[in-house]
Each structure stands twice: as C-alpha cells, then as structure tokens.
Amino acid sequence: MSEPWLTIIGIAEDGLSGLPDASRQALARADLVFGGPRHLALAGVTDKGRPWPVPFDIAPVLAAKGRRVVALTSGDPFWHGAGGTLAAHLDPADWVALPVAGVIGLACARLGWRAEATVTLGLHAAPFARLRPHLVRGCRIIATLRDAAAVAALADWLCTQGAGAAHLTVMERLGGPDERLHRTRADRFALSGIAAPVAVAIDGADLPRGTGISATAGRPDDSFDHAGQITKSPIRAMTLAALSPRPNALLWDIGGGSGAISVEWALAGGRAICIEPRADRVDLIRANIANFGVDHLVTVLHAKAPEALTGLADPDAVFIGGGGSESVFQALWPLMPAGAVLVANAVTLETEMLLTQLHTHNGGDLMRIDIARAAPLGTMRGWQPARPVLQWAVTR
C-alpha cells in the first residue's frame, strides 16, 4: 500500500462529533479498529472493533500490517498513549497520527494555566511518589488518575506529605457532555461519585514554605533510610558536583549502600544502575528510590563488581564509594567510553593509597575533604571532625 496502513486516532469524550473529517474517513475505511471498549463505543465501532488485549499488547496491531487499521487512543496519542508504543515498533511510512485535544490541553483550557509552566504526570499506572520532586510551594501539576478511589487516596497522600493545603481541581470526563469540575483542598476532601476518566490539578500556591524536596544535591541524611550506610550530605553534594549529572545521562553507582547517590542523580534527571552485593542494603536502596519517586529511573542490581559490569549499557558517569579495590578499577577503566566521568571516594588508608596511584597514572583531580561540625563540648562547643574523605575525579 502506498499510503500508511495504520492511522492512530485520538478521540475525546465527545466521540465522533469532536473528530475532524480525516479521522472519521479513516474510521469508515478501516478494516479493523483497535481501542479500549470505551473508545470503541465513543467512535460507534461495532463489528470491526477489536478491544486491546489485557494486559495491553500491540502485537495484534502489528500482525494486521497490510490491512487498513485504526488504533484509537485518548486525545493526544503521544501523551501516555499507545501512539508512542506503536511508533517505536514501526517505520515512519507505516503510520499517520490524527490527534485531538488531550486531557492536558483541555485541563489547562479550563484552568487558564500555561501548559509550558505546568508539570504533567500520568499517575493512572504510577505511584503517587512520582509527585515528590514537583510538590513544592507554588507548583502547578496536572495528573491523570486511575479511578474515583485514586482521587481520595491522592488527597490522603498529599496530607501525609505536609501538602494538605494544596488546592485540587477534580476534572471528570473532560471534553464530553458529562464533564464536571470540582474544587476542594486536599485536607477537606469529601467528594464522592466521581466518574472516570478523571484528572486532578494540584495548585500549591498556599503550601507552607519549605514543602517538598530540595532542588540541590546533598539532601538531609535523615530523609533517606540508610542504617549508617550513606555518603554524608556535604560529601554527597560535592560528589554529585564532580559527577556532573545531566538529564538522560546514565550513572553506574558501584557499591550503592543506601542508594543516595543514585537517588540524587535521578532527581537531577538522569538514569542510574545501582550495584550492591549485600541483600539488606538492596532492600534499603529499593525503599529509597520508591520513596523519592525515582524507581522508574534507577535499576538495582543485587550483584558484585567487577563481575556485574559486563554487558551493562555504557555509562556517562561512574561512582565508587569507600569500598573500591584494584580489581574493580582495572576492570572498569577499559569499559568506560571516552568522555565518561569517574568519581571515587576513599575513607581508608589502603584505598587512599590506591586512588593516589591511579591519579599518578591517569591524571584527574585529587582532593582531600575535611569537614567539622560544631558540637557540645562540656558546657561549651567545639569542632567535631568527620572522617576525612579523599576524592578522585577523572574524565576518561
């Protein structure tokens, strides 16, 4: 066929009446129409309709190549929709997309919010913790939710995060004849009878100052579950500065401990593979990445370096904590691509000697970090020194 065999059509709650002519014509010509039961009903599709498999799978669509096929999705097919999944498995000549206003565009139009200044999240299949990096005073967030019960659960969760003063706009069935909007505060939530599909707008204008996670590295140690196995806050801040996190960049965190380095790397927009040989610490890492809402960005490997390094995707940066060994560095260096950054911290004399030798042979920056905090000393105060850290940072 000279024209694309697949048409990806976005449909809203107003059904066929809200579709452009091109979408209606594609539906009329189609041999098969795939979609959720609600979308198929909105489009008036009967005999040629095919509900998506449960669990969701695009295999039936791919198998229909050569026929005229339509895939129905919500509004914008490329915002948490099937469009992105389908396009990733097809050649550009195979498909065309015909979107309509999606939930985000409709919600911003109802609220008068600038879309470019609004955080948008799909929480219909993700934990509420994904909100944590964005839940601050003055935030504007629009999130889709699974159902009515999830709306009440979100209000409760916001209260546990100290965000009970958040203003919520609950939006049901946007864009259709049954559209309804409700406004309430999270700590005064008492709505019932909410109909799906549903989205919630969170306005943080009245949240207390200091609400949410700091935007800079070196978050407080007690915000992590660590059992003492953590790179302390000021050292962590300096380590992250040396690692230079960037959006989408991949970190190998060797000897994860509590996973704090991986968490802070992910909060900066990167992805991490956190390698930890001890099972109890693996549990700590998983708890921390879930608590900070970055479990989709951090992969935890219960394994030991250097054996665990083989076959991993190339890193943009590597961090080795206090347990680095000569065998790890020897295996690691050839695996690092040009331009990747390596940062290693040492707290023992033996590892200090190793980093000093590596600095001699490979260059980079060698820095000794001594930190002391004021602490009670009898009836007065004195300096309580922390264990010094030697840090080696080098670009491959």
Protein backbone atom coordinates (compact mmCIF):
# COMPACT_ATOMS: atom_id res chain seq x y z
CA MET A 1 0.00 0.00 0.00
CA SER A 2 1.40 3.41 -0.95
CA GLU A 3 -0.24 5.18 1.97
CA PRO A 4 0.25 4.37 5.67
CA TRP A 5 -1.65 1.26 6.66
CA LEU A 6 -2.12 2.40 10.28
CA THR A 7 -3.95 5.54 11.42
CA ILE A 8 -3.56 6.44 15.09
CA ILE A 9 -6.61 8.47 16.07
CA GLY A 10 -7.07 10.43 19.26
CA ILE A 11 -10.65 10.58 20.47
CA ALA A 12 -12.12 12.61 23.32
CA GLU A 13 -15.27 12.29 25.41
CA ASP A 14 -17.36 14.00 22.72
CA GLY A 15 -16.86 10.98 20.45
CA LEU A 16 -17.38 11.19 16.70
CA SER A 17 -18.71 14.74 16.84
CA GLY A 18 -15.33 16.01 18.04
CA LEU A 19 -13.29 14.26 15.36
CA PRO A 20 -12.02 16.01 12.22
CA ASP A 21 -13.15 14.75 8.82
CA ALA A 22 -9.85 12.91 8.25
CA SER A 23 -10.37 10.82 11.39
CA ARG A 24 -13.95 9.95 10.53
CA GLN A 25 -12.95 8.99 6.99
CA ALA A 26 -10.16 6.74 8.30
CA LEU A 27 -12.63 5.02 10.62
CA ALA A 28 -15.08 4.48 7.77
CA ARG A 29 -12.38 2.96 5.51
CA ALA A 30 -10.76 0.80 8.19
CA ASP A 31 -10.84 -2.99 8.06
CA LEU A 32 -10.00 -3.22 11.79
CA VAL A 33 -10.26 -0.72 14.64
CA PHE A 34 -8.32 -1.35 17.84
CA GLY A 35 -9.11 0.51 21.06
CA GLY A 36 -10.34 0.29 24.60
CA PRO A 37 -14.02 -0.63 24.98
CA ARG A 38 -14.88 2.96 25.96
CA HIS A 39 -13.12 4.41 22.91
CA LEU A 40 -14.73 1.90 20.57
CA ALA A 41 -18.13 2.86 21.97
CA LEU A 42 -17.40 6.58 21.64
CA ALA A 43 -16.49 6.04 17.99
CA GLY A 44 -19.54 3.90 17.33
CA VAL A 45 -17.40 0.97 16.18
CA THR A 46 -19.13 -2.41 16.19
CA ASP A 47 -18.22 -5.43 14.05
CA LYS A 48 -14.73 -4.33 13.03
CA GLY A 49 -13.80 -3.23 16.55
CA ARG A 50 -11.08 -5.12 18.43
CA PRO A 51 -10.56 -4.33 22.15
CA TRP A 52 -6.95 -4.03 23.29
CA PRO A 53 -5.67 -7.24 24.88
CA VAL A 54 -5.39 -7.32 28.68
CA PRO A 55 -2.61 -6.89 29.64
CA PHE A 56 -2.05 -4.26 26.95
CA ASP A 57 -0.23 -5.57 23.89
CA ILE A 58 0.23 -4.06 20.41
CA ALA A 59 1.03 -7.43 18.79
CA PRO A 60 -2.44 -7.76 17.18
CA VAL A 61 -1.98 -4.37 15.50
CA LEU A 62 1.47 -5.25 14.18
CA ALA A 63 0.11 -8.57 12.89
CA ALA A 64 -2.50 -6.70 10.83
CA LYS A 65 0.06 -4.90 8.67
CA GLY A 66 -1.13 -4.71 5.08
CA ARG A 67 -4.76 -4.04 6.01
CA ARG A 68 -6.35 -0.67 6.74
CA VAL A 69 -6.09 -0.37 10.52
CA VAL A 70 -7.07 2.30 13.05
CA ALA A 71 -5.81 2.48 16.63
CA LEU A 72 -7.99 4.60 18.92
CA THR A 73 -6.39 6.33 21.90
CA SER A 74 -7.30 9.08 24.33
CA GLY A 75 -6.97 12.60 22.92
CA ASP A 76 -3.25 13.00 22.30
CA PRO A 77 -1.91 9.56 21.32
CA PHE A 78 1.61 10.55 22.34
CA TRP A 79 0.95 11.63 25.93
CA HIS A 80 0.98 8.37 27.92
CA GLY A 81 -0.89 6.84 24.98
CA ALA A 82 -0.43 3.92 22.63
CA GLY A 83 0.95 6.22 19.92
CA GLY A 84 4.48 6.24 21.27
CA THR A 85 4.50 2.47 21.76
CA LEU A 86 3.26 1.83 18.23
CA ALA A 87 5.61 4.34 16.59
CA ALA A 88 8.62 2.76 18.32
CA HIS A 89 7.88 -0.55 16.53
CA LEU A 90 7.05 0.80 13.07
CA ASP A 91 8.69 2.62 10.18
CA PRO A 92 7.59 6.26 9.73
CA ALA A 93 5.93 5.33 6.41
CA ASP A 94 3.67 2.80 8.18
CA TRP A 95 1.58 5.20 10.22
CA VAL A 96 -0.06 8.60 10.49
CA ALA A 97 -1.47 10.19 13.64
CA LEU A 98 -4.57 12.38 13.96
CA PRO A 99 -4.74 13.77 17.50
CA VAL A 100 -7.40 15.90 19.16
CA ALA A 101 -7.10 17.97 22.32
CA GLY A 102 -5.94 15.66 25.10
CA VAL A 103 -6.56 15.80 28.81
CA ILE A 104 -3.66 18.20 29.43
CA GLY A 105 -4.76 20.71 26.81
CA LEU A 106 -8.37 20.53 27.97
CA ALA A 107 -7.42 20.84 31.63
CA CYS A 108 -5.18 23.89 31.01
CA ALA A 109 -8.00 25.45 28.97
CA ARG A 110 -10.43 25.01 31.87
CA LEU A 111 -7.98 26.30 34.49
CA GLY A 112 -6.31 29.05 32.48
CA TRP A 113 -2.90 27.54 33.18
CA ARG A 114 0.07 27.81 30.84
CA ALA A 115 0.85 24.29 29.65
CA GLU A 116 4.58 25.02 29.42
CA ALA A 117 4.65 26.04 33.10
CA THR A 118 2.66 23.02 34.31
CA VAL A 119 4.05 19.64 35.38
CA THR A 120 2.08 16.81 33.78
CA LEU A 121 2.11 13.25 35.13
CA GLY A 122 0.32 10.04 34.28
CA LEU A 123 -0.47 8.56 37.69
CA HIS A 124 -3.09 6.15 36.38
CA ALA A 125 -0.37 3.47 36.41
CA ALA A 126 2.34 5.00 38.63
CA PRO A 127 2.79 5.61 42.38
CA PHE A 128 1.95 8.96 43.96
CA ALA A 129 5.61 9.28 44.98
CA ARG A 130 6.32 10.45 41.41
CA LEU A 131 4.86 13.75 42.59
CA ARG A 132 7.52 14.32 45.27
CA PRO A 133 10.15 16.06 43.12
CA HIS A 134 7.48 18.51 41.90
CA LEU A 135 5.38 19.02 45.04
CA VAL A 136 6.61 22.43 46.24
CA ARG A 137 5.13 25.78 47.15
CA GLY A 138 3.69 27.40 44.02
CA CYS A 139 3.61 24.21 41.96
CA ARG A 140 1.03 23.56 39.27
CA ILE A 141 0.58 19.88 38.45
CA ILE A 142 -1.97 18.04 36.32
CA ALA A 143 -2.13 14.27 36.80
CA THR A 144 -4.36 11.60 35.36
CA LEU A 145 -5.63 9.01 37.85
CA ARG A 146 -6.99 5.51 37.55
CA ASP A 147 -10.44 5.95 39.11
CA ALA A 148 -12.51 7.69 41.80
CA ALA A 149 -10.86 5.76 44.63
CA ALA A 150 -7.47 7.02 43.47
CA VAL A 151 -8.63 10.64 43.82
CA ALA A 152 -9.47 10.15 47.50
CA ALA A 153 -6.21 8.24 48.01
CA LEU A 154 -4.27 11.11 46.41
CA ALA A 155 -5.83 13.64 48.77
CA ASP A 156 -4.85 11.46 51.75
CA TRP A 157 -1.32 11.03 50.42
CA LEU A 158 -0.88 14.79 49.95
CA CYS A 159 -1.82 15.29 53.59
CA THR A 160 0.88 12.80 54.67
CA GLN A 161 3.41 14.88 52.70
CA GLY A 162 2.53 18.09 54.52
CA ALA A 163 0.60 19.32 51.47
CA GLY A 164 -2.91 19.29 52.89
CA ALA A 165 -3.29 22.96 51.88
CA ALA A 166 -2.98 22.06 48.18
CA HIS A 167 -5.96 23.19 46.12
CA LEU A 168 -7.36 20.38 43.99
CA THR A 169 -9.49 20.63 40.88
CA VAL A 170 -11.02 17.24 40.12
CA MET A 171 -11.96 17.00 36.44
CA GLU A 172 -14.29 14.24 35.22
CA ARG A 173 -14.74 13.19 31.61
CA LEU A 174 -13.15 16.32 30.14
CA GLY A 175 -14.39 17.41 26.73
CA GLY A 176 -17.66 15.49 26.76
CA PRO A 177 -21.29 16.15 27.67
CA ASP A 178 -20.77 14.65 31.15
CA GLU A 179 -17.79 16.86 32.01
CA ARG A 180 -17.72 18.09 35.63
CA LEU A 181 -15.21 20.06 37.67
CA HIS A 182 -14.98 20.09 41.49
CA ARG A 183 -12.71 22.26 43.61
CA THR A 184 -11.54 21.42 47.13
CA ARG A 185 -8.50 21.35 49.38
CA ALA A 186 -6.65 18.10 49.94
CA ASP A 187 -7.30 18.22 53.70
CA ARG A 188 -11.01 18.93 53.15
CA PHE A 189 -11.65 16.29 50.50
CA ALA A 190 -15.12 14.78 50.76
CA LEU A 191 -16.16 14.21 47.14
CA SER A 192 -17.99 11.08 46.02
CA GLY A 193 -19.50 9.72 42.82
CA ILE A 194 -16.50 10.77 40.69
CA ALA A 195 -16.63 9.35 37.17
CA ALA A 196 -13.65 8.16 35.15
CA PRO A 197 -11.70 9.13 33.16
CA VAL A 198 -10.51 11.59 35.76
CA ALA A 199 -7.65 14.06 36.14
CA VAL A 200 -6.66 16.21 39.10
CA ALA A 201 -4.96 19.60 39.06
CA ILE A 202 -2.81 20.42 42.09
CA ASP A 203 -2.23 24.09 42.89
CA GLY A 204 0.48 24.59 45.51
CA ALA A 205 0.12 28.35 45.92
CA ASP A 206 -0.77 28.03 49.62
CA LEU A 207 1.64 25.28 50.59
CA PRO A 208 3.95 26.11 53.51
CA ARG A 209 7.42 27.40 52.74
CA GLY A 210 9.90 24.54 52.72
CA THR A 211 7.40 21.98 51.42
CA GLY A 212 8.91 19.29 49.22
CA ILE A 213 12.34 18.09 48.21
CA SER A 214 15.24 20.50 47.80
CA ALA A 215 16.33 21.07 44.21
CA THR A 216 20.05 20.74 45.04
CA ALA A 217 22.18 17.71 45.84
CA GLY A 218 23.10 16.91 49.41
CA ARG A 219 19.59 16.37 50.77
CA PRO A 220 19.49 15.69 54.53
CA ASP A 221 20.76 12.28 55.59
CA ASP A 222 17.63 11.60 57.63
CA SER A 223 15.46 11.86 54.51
CA PHE A 224 16.97 8.51 53.47
CA ASP A 225 16.62 5.09 55.08
CA HIS A 226 20.31 4.27 55.45
CA ALA A 227 21.25 2.40 58.68
CA GLY A 228 24.50 4.39 58.67
CA GLN A 229 25.47 3.29 55.12
CA ILE A 230 25.30 6.64 53.36
CA THR A 231 27.59 9.20 51.77
CA LYS A 232 27.01 12.09 54.17
CA SER A 233 25.17 15.15 52.94
CA PRO A 234 28.07 17.61 52.32
CA ILE A 235 30.28 14.90 50.79
CA ARG A 236 27.33 13.76 48.67
CA ALA A 237 26.83 17.31 47.38
CA MET A 238 30.48 17.55 46.39
CA THR A 239 30.38 14.09 44.83
CA LEU A 240 27.35 14.92 42.71
CA ALA A 241 29.01 18.15 41.62
CA ALA A 242 32.03 16.15 40.45
CA LEU A 243 29.82 13.58 38.68
CA SER A 244 28.04 16.40 36.78
CA PRO A 245 24.56 14.86 36.36
CA ARG A 246 22.60 15.70 33.22
CA PRO A 247 19.14 14.72 32.01
CA ASN A 248 19.08 11.20 30.48
CA ALA A 249 22.72 10.52 31.41
CA LEU A 250 23.47 7.05 32.82
CA LEU A 251 25.33 6.51 36.10
CA TRP A 252 26.92 3.31 37.32
CA ASP A 253 26.75 3.52 41.12
CA ILE A 254 29.12 0.77 42.30
CA GLY A 255 28.57 -0.23 45.92
CA GLY A 256 25.23 1.55 46.31
CA GLY A 257 24.90 1.40 50.12
CA SER A 258 21.67 3.31 50.70
CA GLY A 259 21.35 4.38 47.06
CA ALA A 260 21.52 8.07 47.99
CA ILE A 261 23.91 8.91 45.14
CA SER A 262 21.64 7.14 42.62
CA VAL A 263 18.56 8.87 44.04
CA GLU A 264 20.10 12.32 43.77
CA TRP A 265 21.42 11.60 40.29
CA ALA A 266 17.90 10.57 39.22
CA LEU A 267 16.37 13.66 40.84
CA ALA A 268 18.65 15.65 38.52
CA GLY A 269 17.03 13.88 35.56
CA GLY A 270 19.48 11.05 34.95
CA ARG A 271 19.19 7.27 34.98
CA ALA A 272 21.23 5.01 37.24
CA ILE A 273 22.26 1.39 37.65
CA CYS A 274 22.90 0.86 41.34
CA ILE A 275 25.06 -2.21 42.09
CA GLU A 276 25.08 -3.58 45.63
CA PRO A 277 26.28 -7.03 46.78
CA ARG A 278 24.50 -7.11 50.17
CA ALA A 279 20.85 -8.12 50.22
CA ASP A 280 19.96 -5.97 53.24
CA ARG A 281 21.34 -2.88 51.54
CA VAL A 282 19.50 -3.76 48.31
CA ASP A 283 16.29 -3.52 50.33
CA LEU A 284 17.33 -0.07 51.62
CA ILE A 285 18.08 1.11 48.09
CA ARG A 286 14.74 -0.08 46.76
CA ALA A 287 12.90 1.61 49.63
CA ASN A 288 14.69 4.90 49.00
CA ILE A 289 14.16 5.01 45.24
CA ALA A 290 10.47 4.24 45.76
CA ASN A 291 10.13 6.89 48.49
CA PHE A 292 11.67 9.57 46.29
CA GLY A 293 9.59 8.57 43.26
CA VAL A 294 12.55 7.61 41.05
CA ASP A 295 12.02 3.85 40.86
CA HIS A 296 11.44 4.21 37.10
CA LEU A 297 14.87 5.81 36.70
CA VAL A 298 17.06 3.59 38.92
CA THR A 299 17.76 -0.09 38.25
CA VAL A 300 19.01 -2.00 41.29
CA LEU A 301 21.36 -4.94 40.73
CA HIS A 302 22.00 -7.35 43.60
CA ALA A 303 25.48 -8.20 42.39
CA LYS A 304 29.17 -7.58 42.96
CA ALA A 305 31.62 -5.59 40.88
CA PRO A 306 33.59 -6.13 38.75
CA GLU A 307 31.58 -9.19 37.61
CA ALA A 308 28.34 -7.17 37.41
CA LEU A 309 29.82 -4.62 35.00
CA THR A 310 29.90 -6.85 31.92
CA GLY A 311 27.09 -6.26 29.47
CA LEU A 312 25.77 -3.05 31.00
CA ALA A 313 24.87 -0.05 28.85
CA ASP A 314 27.76 2.41 28.54
CA PRO A 315 27.85 4.91 31.41
CA ASP A 316 28.17 8.66 31.25
CA ALA A 317 29.49 8.65 34.81
CA VAL A 318 30.66 6.12 37.39
CA PHE A 319 30.75 6.47 41.16
CA ILE A 320 32.67 4.19 43.51
CA GLY A 321 32.19 4.68 47.24
CA GLY A 322 34.54 3.75 50.05
CA GLY A 323 34.95 0.11 49.00
CA GLY A 324 36.86 0.46 45.75
CA SER A 325 39.51 -2.16 45.00
CA GLU A 326 42.32 -2.51 42.49
CA SER A 327 40.45 -5.30 40.67
CA VAL A 328 37.35 -3.11 40.26
CA PHE A 329 39.35 -0.19 38.83
CA GLN A 330 41.32 -2.46 36.49
CA ALA A 331 38.12 -3.98 35.09
CA LEU A 332 36.26 -0.67 34.99
CA TRP A 333 38.68 1.58 33.12
CA PRO A 334 38.57 -0.30 29.78
CA LEU A 335 34.76 -0.44 29.95
CA MET A 336 34.34 3.33 30.26
CA PRO A 337 33.71 5.20 26.99
CA ALA A 338 35.62 8.35 26.10
CA GLY A 339 34.20 11.39 27.89
CA ALA A 340 32.74 9.42 30.81
CA VAL A 341 33.45 10.73 34.31
CA LEU A 342 34.73 8.58 37.17
CA VAL A 343 34.48 9.73 40.78
CA ALA A 344 35.81 7.60 43.63
CA ASN A 345 35.76 8.35 47.36
CA ALA A 346 38.16 6.77 49.85
CA VAL A 347 37.92 6.67 53.64
CA THR A 348 40.59 4.04 54.39
CA LEU A 349 44.37 4.41 54.14
CA GLU A 350 44.55 1.47 51.76
CA THR A 351 42.02 2.96 49.34
CA GLU A 352 43.66 6.38 49.66
CA MET A 353 46.94 4.81 48.50
CA LEU A 354 45.15 3.18 45.58
CA LEU A 355 43.48 6.43 44.47
CA THR A 356 46.80 8.27 44.79
CA GLN A 357 48.45 5.73 42.48
CA LEU A 358 45.56 5.90 39.99
CA HIS A 359 45.79 9.69 39.99
CA THR A 360 49.51 9.45 39.25
CA HIS A 361 48.93 7.19 36.23
CA ASN A 362 45.64 8.59 34.89
CA GLY A 363 45.54 12.23 35.96
CA GLY A 364 42.35 13.97 37.00
CA ASP A 365 41.68 15.85 40.22
CA LEU A 366 42.63 14.51 43.67
CA MET A 367 41.06 16.30 46.62
CA ARG A 368 41.06 15.70 50.36
CA ILE A 369 37.82 16.75 52.07
CA ASP A 370 37.92 17.54 55.81
CA ILE A 371 34.69 18.67 57.43
CA ALA A 372 33.92 19.50 61.05
CA ARG A 373 30.65 20.47 62.73
CA ALA A 374 30.06 22.43 65.90
CA ALA A 375 29.08 20.10 68.75
CA PRO A 376 28.69 20.35 72.54
CA LEU A 377 31.98 20.21 74.44
CA GLY A 378 31.31 20.26 78.16
CA THR A 379 29.37 23.43 78.85
CA MET A 380 30.57 25.00 75.61
CA ARG A 381 31.02 23.99 71.98
CA GLY A 382 33.86 22.65 69.89
CA TRP A 383 34.56 21.25 66.45
CA GLN A 384 33.62 17.62 65.88
CA PRO A 385 35.60 16.43 62.84
CA ALA A 386 34.13 13.90 60.43
CA ARG A 387 36.23 11.13 58.93
CA PRO A 388 38.25 12.72 56.09
CA VAL A 389 37.48 11.66 52.53
CA LEU A 390 39.88 11.51 49.60
CA GLN A 391 38.09 12.07 46.30
CA TRP A 392 39.50 11.31 42.87
CA ALA A 393 37.64 12.61 39.81
CA VAL A 394 38.79 11.95 36.25
CA THR A 395 37.37 12.07 32.73
CA ARG A 396 38.17 9.03 30.57
